[in-house]
Amino acid sequence: MSESDWYTLYFSKGFYQEGEGAARYLNSIAETLEDKTIIELCVTHLRAVRSRRGFRETWLETGHQPVASVTLKKGEILTAKVLEPALSGKNSTFLSSGTARGYQRLKQ
């Protein structure tokens, strides 16, 4: 911290850190997820890609298997048909990386 000016520099991992935080949270409740498959919903936007990388790296570092993933192309709407291959009759928990609006449409 500087005594001569008003600014302080704070370091952040940005969107990577958001994914990292999601993985650490899910790891903290992992025992409640034992019978579920986590499905990661992603878009191809750079922010989502960074968040996804943070999640995946941290999730694997904490000793978990890779999660199922569904990536939406630009303009693609999240539908049950898009999710079908990842679901395959499993009890699932969703992790969204920039697709909340699409998920809300799916629920309706």
N, C-alpha and C. Protein backbone atom coordinates (compact mmCIF):
# COMPACT_ATOMS: atom_id res chain seq x y z
N MET A 1 0.84 -1.17 0.00
CA MET A 1 0.00 0.00 0.00
C MET A 1 0.89 1.23 0.00
N SER A 2 0.53 2.19 -0.78
CA SER A 2 1.35 3.39 -0.92
C SER A 2 0.85 4.49 0.01
N GLU A 3 1.79 5.19 0.63
CA GLU A 3 1.43 6.31 1.48
C GLU A 3 1.35 7.61 0.69
N SER A 4 1.85 7.59 -0.57
CA SER A 4 1.91 8.83 -1.34
C SER A 4 0.78 8.98 -2.36
N ASP A 5 0.02 7.94 -2.62
CA ASP A 5 -1.11 8.09 -3.56
C ASP A 5 -2.33 7.33 -3.05
N TRP A 6 -3.42 7.44 -3.78
CA TRP A 6 -4.70 6.89 -3.33
C TRP A 6 -5.00 5.50 -3.90
N TYR A 7 -4.12 4.97 -4.69
CA TYR A 7 -4.41 3.72 -5.37
C TYR A 7 -3.63 2.55 -4.79
N THR A 8 -4.28 1.42 -4.74
CA THR A 8 -3.66 0.18 -4.32
C THR A 8 -3.93 -0.85 -5.40
N LEU A 9 -2.95 -1.62 -5.74
CA LEU A 9 -3.09 -2.62 -6.78
C LEU A 9 -3.49 -3.95 -6.14
N TYR A 10 -4.58 -4.53 -6.63
CA TYR A 10 -5.04 -5.83 -6.17
C TYR A 10 -4.94 -6.82 -7.32
N PHE A 11 -4.37 -7.97 -7.06
CA PHE A 11 -4.24 -8.98 -8.10
C PHE A 11 -5.46 -9.89 -8.10
N SER A 12 -5.89 -10.28 -9.28
CA SER A 12 -7.05 -11.15 -9.42
C SER A 12 -6.80 -12.12 -10.56
N LYS A 13 -7.34 -13.30 -10.43
CA LYS A 13 -7.26 -14.29 -11.51
C LYS A 13 -8.43 -14.13 -12.46
N GLY A 14 -9.28 -13.15 -12.21
CA GLY A 14 -10.40 -12.88 -13.10
C GLY A 14 -11.39 -14.03 -13.21
N PHE A 15 -11.79 -14.31 -14.44
CA PHE A 15 -12.80 -15.34 -14.67
C PHE A 15 -12.31 -16.73 -14.30
N TYR A 16 -11.01 -16.96 -14.40
CA TYR A 16 -10.43 -18.23 -13.97
C TYR A 16 -10.79 -18.47 -12.50
N GLN A 17 -10.69 -17.40 -11.70
CA GLN A 17 -10.96 -17.52 -10.27
C GLN A 17 -12.43 -17.84 -9.99
N GLU A 18 -13.33 -17.37 -10.84
CA GLU A 18 -14.75 -17.71 -10.67
C GLU A 18 -14.95 -19.21 -10.82
N GLY A 19 -14.34 -19.80 -11.83
CA GLY A 19 -14.44 -21.25 -12.02
C GLY A 19 -13.78 -22.01 -10.88
N GLU A 20 -12.65 -21.50 -10.45
CA GLU A 20 -11.93 -22.09 -9.33
C GLU A 20 -12.80 -22.08 -8.06
N GLY A 21 -13.47 -20.96 -7.83
CA GLY A 21 -14.35 -20.85 -6.66
C GLY A 21 -15.52 -21.83 -6.73
N ALA A 22 -16.09 -21.99 -7.91
CA ALA A 22 -17.20 -22.94 -8.08
C ALA A 22 -16.74 -24.36 -7.78
N ALA A 23 -15.55 -24.72 -8.26
CA ALA A 23 -15.02 -26.06 -8.01
C ALA A 23 -14.76 -26.28 -6.52
N ARG A 24 -14.19 -25.28 -5.86
CA ARG A 24 -13.91 -25.41 -4.42
C ARG A 24 -15.21 -25.52 -3.61
N TYR A 25 -16.22 -24.76 -4.02
CA TYR A 25 -17.51 -24.87 -3.32
C TYR A 25 -18.10 -26.27 -3.51
N LEU A 26 -18.17 -26.74 -4.74
CA LEU A 26 -18.73 -28.08 -4.98
C LEU A 26 -17.91 -29.15 -4.27
N ASN A 27 -16.60 -28.96 -4.20
CA ASN A 27 -15.77 -29.90 -3.46
C ASN A 27 -16.16 -29.91 -1.98
N SER A 28 -16.51 -28.74 -1.45
CA SER A 28 -16.87 -28.67 -0.03
C SER A 28 -18.19 -29.38 0.28
N ILE A 29 -19.03 -29.58 -0.73
CA ILE A 29 -20.30 -30.28 -0.54
C ILE A 29 -20.33 -31.59 -1.33
N ALA A 30 -19.16 -32.11 -1.66
CA ALA A 30 -19.04 -33.29 -2.52
C ALA A 30 -19.83 -34.49 -2.02
N GLU A 31 -19.89 -34.67 -0.72
CA GLU A 31 -20.61 -35.85 -0.21
C GLU A 31 -22.10 -35.78 -0.52
N THR A 32 -22.65 -34.59 -0.71
CA THR A 32 -24.07 -34.48 -1.08
C THR A 32 -24.27 -34.70 -2.58
N LEU A 33 -23.18 -34.75 -3.34
CA LEU A 33 -23.26 -34.92 -4.79
C LEU A 33 -22.88 -36.32 -5.25
N GLU A 34 -22.65 -37.24 -4.31
CA GLU A 34 -22.13 -38.56 -4.64
C GLU A 34 -22.98 -39.31 -5.66
N ASP A 35 -24.29 -39.17 -5.62
CA ASP A 35 -25.15 -39.91 -6.54
C ASP A 35 -25.55 -39.07 -7.76
N LYS A 36 -24.86 -37.96 -7.96
CA LYS A 36 -25.21 -37.06 -9.06
C LYS A 36 -24.06 -36.93 -10.05
N THR A 37 -24.39 -36.61 -11.28
CA THR A 37 -23.41 -36.29 -12.30
C THR A 37 -23.43 -34.78 -12.51
N ILE A 38 -22.30 -34.14 -12.43
CA ILE A 38 -22.24 -32.70 -12.66
C ILE A 38 -22.12 -32.48 -14.16
N ILE A 39 -22.97 -31.62 -14.68
CA ILE A 39 -22.92 -31.27 -16.09
C ILE A 39 -22.57 -29.79 -16.19
N GLU A 40 -21.47 -29.53 -16.85
CA GLU A 40 -20.97 -28.17 -17.02
C GLU A 40 -21.56 -27.60 -18.31
N LEU A 41 -22.28 -26.48 -18.18
CA LEU A 41 -22.86 -25.81 -19.34
C LEU A 41 -21.98 -24.62 -19.70
N CYS A 42 -21.50 -24.59 -20.93
CA CYS A 42 -20.56 -23.54 -21.34
C CYS A 42 -20.97 -22.91 -22.66
N VAL A 43 -20.50 -21.71 -22.84
CA VAL A 43 -20.58 -21.04 -24.13
C VAL A 43 -19.15 -20.84 -24.61
N THR A 44 -18.99 -20.44 -25.86
CA THR A 44 -17.64 -20.34 -26.42
C THR A 44 -17.01 -18.96 -26.22
N HIS A 45 -17.62 -18.11 -25.44
CA HIS A 45 -17.08 -16.78 -25.15
C HIS A 45 -15.80 -16.92 -24.31
N LEU A 46 -14.83 -16.05 -24.53
CA LEU A 46 -13.54 -16.12 -23.86
C LEU A 46 -13.68 -16.13 -22.34
N ARG A 47 -14.60 -15.33 -21.80
CA ARG A 47 -14.78 -15.30 -20.33
C ARG A 47 -15.21 -16.67 -19.82
N ALA A 48 -16.14 -17.31 -20.54
CA ALA A 48 -16.62 -18.62 -20.13
C ALA A 48 -15.52 -19.67 -20.25
N VAL A 49 -14.69 -19.56 -21.28
CA VAL A 49 -13.59 -20.50 -21.47
C VAL A 49 -12.61 -20.41 -20.30
N ARG A 50 -12.32 -19.20 -19.86
CA ARG A 50 -11.40 -19.02 -18.72
C ARG A 50 -12.01 -19.57 -17.43
N SER A 51 -13.28 -19.30 -17.23
CA SER A 51 -13.97 -19.81 -16.04
C SER A 51 -13.99 -21.34 -16.07
N ARG A 52 -14.26 -21.88 -17.23
CA ARG A 52 -14.30 -23.34 -17.40
C ARG A 52 -12.94 -23.95 -17.06
N ARG A 53 -11.87 -23.33 -17.55
CA ARG A 53 -10.53 -23.84 -17.27
C ARG A 53 -10.24 -23.82 -15.76
N GLY A 54 -10.61 -22.73 -15.11
CA GLY A 54 -10.41 -22.63 -13.66
C GLY A 54 -11.16 -23.71 -12.92
N PHE A 55 -12.39 -23.98 -13.35
CA PHE A 55 -13.18 -25.02 -12.71
C PHE A 55 -12.54 -26.38 -12.93
N ARG A 56 -12.27 -26.70 -14.18
CA ARG A 56 -11.75 -28.04 -14.49
C ARG A 56 -10.43 -28.34 -13.80
N GLU A 57 -9.50 -27.39 -13.85
CA GLU A 57 -8.19 -27.62 -13.23
C GLU A 57 -8.32 -27.81 -11.72
N THR A 58 -9.13 -26.97 -11.08
CA THR A 58 -9.31 -27.07 -9.63
C THR A 58 -10.07 -28.34 -9.26
N TRP A 59 -11.08 -28.69 -10.03
CA TRP A 59 -11.87 -29.89 -9.77
C TRP A 59 -10.99 -31.13 -9.82
N LEU A 60 -10.13 -31.21 -10.82
CA LEU A 60 -9.22 -32.35 -10.92
C LEU A 60 -8.18 -32.35 -9.81
N GLU A 61 -7.68 -31.15 -9.46
CA GLU A 61 -6.69 -31.04 -8.37
C GLU A 61 -7.26 -31.50 -7.04
N THR A 62 -8.56 -31.38 -6.85
CA THR A 62 -9.18 -31.79 -5.59
C THR A 62 -9.56 -33.27 -5.60
N GLY A 63 -9.12 -34.00 -6.64
CA GLY A 63 -9.27 -35.44 -6.66
C GLY A 63 -10.53 -35.99 -7.30
N HIS A 64 -11.24 -35.17 -8.06
CA HIS A 64 -12.48 -35.62 -8.69
C HIS A 64 -12.25 -36.02 -10.14
N GLN A 65 -13.19 -36.80 -10.66
CA GLN A 65 -13.18 -37.18 -12.07
C GLN A 65 -13.66 -36.00 -12.90
N PRO A 66 -13.30 -35.94 -14.19
CA PRO A 66 -13.80 -34.86 -15.05
C PRO A 66 -15.33 -34.85 -15.09
N VAL A 67 -15.90 -33.66 -15.25
CA VAL A 67 -17.35 -33.53 -15.31
C VAL A 67 -17.83 -33.67 -16.75
N ALA A 68 -19.12 -34.01 -16.91
CA ALA A 68 -19.72 -34.03 -18.24
C ALA A 68 -19.84 -32.57 -18.69
N SER A 69 -19.78 -32.34 -19.98
CA SER A 69 -19.79 -30.97 -20.47
C SER A 69 -20.68 -30.82 -21.69
N VAL A 70 -21.40 -29.71 -21.75
CA VAL A 70 -22.21 -29.34 -22.90
C VAL A 70 -21.79 -27.92 -23.26
N THR A 71 -21.35 -27.73 -24.49
CA THR A 71 -20.92 -26.41 -24.95
C THR A 71 -21.91 -25.90 -25.98
N LEU A 72 -22.45 -24.73 -25.74
CA LEU A 72 -23.39 -24.10 -26.67
C LEU A 72 -22.62 -23.20 -27.62
N LYS A 73 -22.91 -23.33 -28.90
CA LYS A 73 -22.31 -22.45 -29.90
C LYS A 73 -22.99 -21.08 -29.83
N LYS A 74 -22.37 -20.08 -30.40
CA LYS A 74 -22.92 -18.73 -30.39
C LYS A 74 -24.34 -18.75 -30.97
N GLY A 75 -25.28 -18.22 -30.20
CA GLY A 75 -26.67 -18.13 -30.62
C GLY A 75 -27.49 -19.39 -30.38
N GLU A 76 -26.85 -20.48 -29.98
CA GLU A 76 -27.58 -21.72 -29.73
C GLU A 76 -28.36 -21.61 -28.42
N ILE A 77 -29.58 -22.09 -28.44
CA ILE A 77 -30.45 -22.05 -27.26
C ILE A 77 -30.36 -23.39 -26.52
N LEU A 78 -30.29 -23.32 -25.21
CA LEU A 78 -30.25 -24.52 -24.39
C LEU A 78 -31.61 -25.18 -24.40
N THR A 79 -31.66 -26.41 -24.85
CA THR A 79 -32.90 -27.18 -24.90
C THR A 79 -32.66 -28.55 -24.29
N ALA A 80 -33.73 -29.27 -24.03
CA ALA A 80 -33.60 -30.63 -23.52
C ALA A 80 -32.85 -31.51 -24.52
N LYS A 81 -33.06 -31.27 -25.80
CA LYS A 81 -32.39 -32.06 -26.84
C LYS A 81 -30.87 -31.86 -26.79
N VAL A 82 -30.43 -30.63 -26.54
CA VAL A 82 -29.00 -30.34 -26.43
C VAL A 82 -28.40 -31.05 -25.22
N LEU A 83 -29.16 -31.12 -24.14
CA LEU A 83 -28.67 -31.74 -22.90
C LEU A 83 -28.75 -33.27 -22.91
N GLU A 84 -29.60 -33.81 -23.74
CA GLU A 84 -29.89 -35.25 -23.72
C GLU A 84 -28.65 -36.14 -23.70
N PRO A 85 -27.64 -35.92 -24.56
CA PRO A 85 -26.47 -36.81 -24.53
C PRO A 85 -25.73 -36.80 -23.19
N ALA A 86 -25.66 -35.67 -22.54
CA ALA A 86 -24.95 -35.57 -21.26
C ALA A 86 -25.76 -36.17 -20.11
N LEU A 87 -27.09 -36.07 -20.22
CA LEU A 87 -27.94 -36.57 -19.14
C LEU A 87 -28.00 -38.09 -19.11
N SER A 88 -28.32 -38.68 -20.21
CA SER A 88 -28.46 -40.14 -20.36
C SER A 88 -29.01 -40.83 -19.11
N GLY A 89 -30.13 -40.31 -18.60
CA GLY A 89 -30.83 -40.95 -17.48
C GLY A 89 -30.18 -40.76 -16.13
N LYS A 90 -29.24 -39.84 -16.01
CA LYS A 90 -28.53 -39.65 -14.74
C LYS A 90 -29.18 -38.58 -13.90
N ASN A 91 -29.00 -38.67 -12.60
CA ASN A 91 -29.41 -37.64 -11.66
C ASN A 91 -28.32 -36.57 -11.72
N SER A 92 -28.64 -35.36 -12.18
CA SER A 92 -27.61 -34.39 -12.50
C SER A 92 -27.69 -33.10 -11.72
N THR A 93 -26.54 -32.45 -11.58
CA THR A 93 -26.41 -31.11 -11.03
C THR A 93 -25.75 -30.27 -12.11
N PHE A 94 -26.27 -29.06 -12.35
CA PHE A 94 -25.75 -28.21 -13.41
C PHE A 94 -24.80 -27.16 -12.88
N LEU A 95 -23.73 -26.95 -13.62
CA LEU A 95 -22.79 -25.87 -13.37
C LEU A 95 -22.80 -25.00 -14.62
N SER A 96 -23.27 -23.77 -14.47
CA SER A 96 -23.42 -22.89 -15.62
C SER A 96 -22.23 -21.95 -15.75
N SER A 97 -21.74 -21.83 -16.96
CA SER A 97 -20.67 -20.88 -17.25
C SER A 97 -21.15 -19.95 -18.35
N GLY A 98 -22.02 -19.00 -17.97
CA GLY A 98 -22.50 -18.03 -18.93
C GLY A 98 -23.77 -18.42 -19.65
N THR A 99 -24.52 -19.38 -19.14
CA THR A 99 -25.71 -19.84 -19.85
C THR A 99 -26.98 -19.75 -19.01
N ALA A 100 -26.97 -18.95 -17.98
CA ALA A 100 -28.12 -18.88 -17.08
C ALA A 100 -29.40 -18.51 -17.81
N ARG A 101 -29.33 -17.59 -18.75
CA ARG A 101 -30.54 -17.19 -19.49
C ARG A 101 -31.12 -18.39 -20.25
N GLY A 102 -30.25 -19.16 -20.90
CA GLY A 102 -30.69 -20.35 -21.62
C GLY A 102 -31.29 -21.38 -20.69
N TYR A 103 -30.71 -21.53 -19.50
CA TYR A 103 -31.25 -22.49 -18.54
C TYR A 103 -32.62 -22.07 -18.06
N GLN A 104 -32.84 -20.77 -17.85
CA GLN A 104 -34.15 -20.30 -17.45
C GLN A 104 -35.19 -20.63 -18.52
N ARG A 105 -34.82 -20.48 -19.79
CA ARG A 105 -35.74 -20.83 -20.87
C ARG A 105 -36.08 -22.32 -20.84
N LEU A 106 -35.08 -23.16 -20.54
CA LEU A 106 -35.31 -24.59 -20.51
C LEU A 106 -36.30 -24.97 -19.40
N LYS A 107 -36.21 -24.30 -18.27
CA LYS A 107 -37.08 -24.61 -17.13
C LYS A 107 -38.53 -24.25 -17.41
N GLN A 108 -38.78 -23.29 -18.29
CA GLN A 108 -40.14 -22.82 -18.53
C GLN A 108 -40.95 -23.77 -19.38
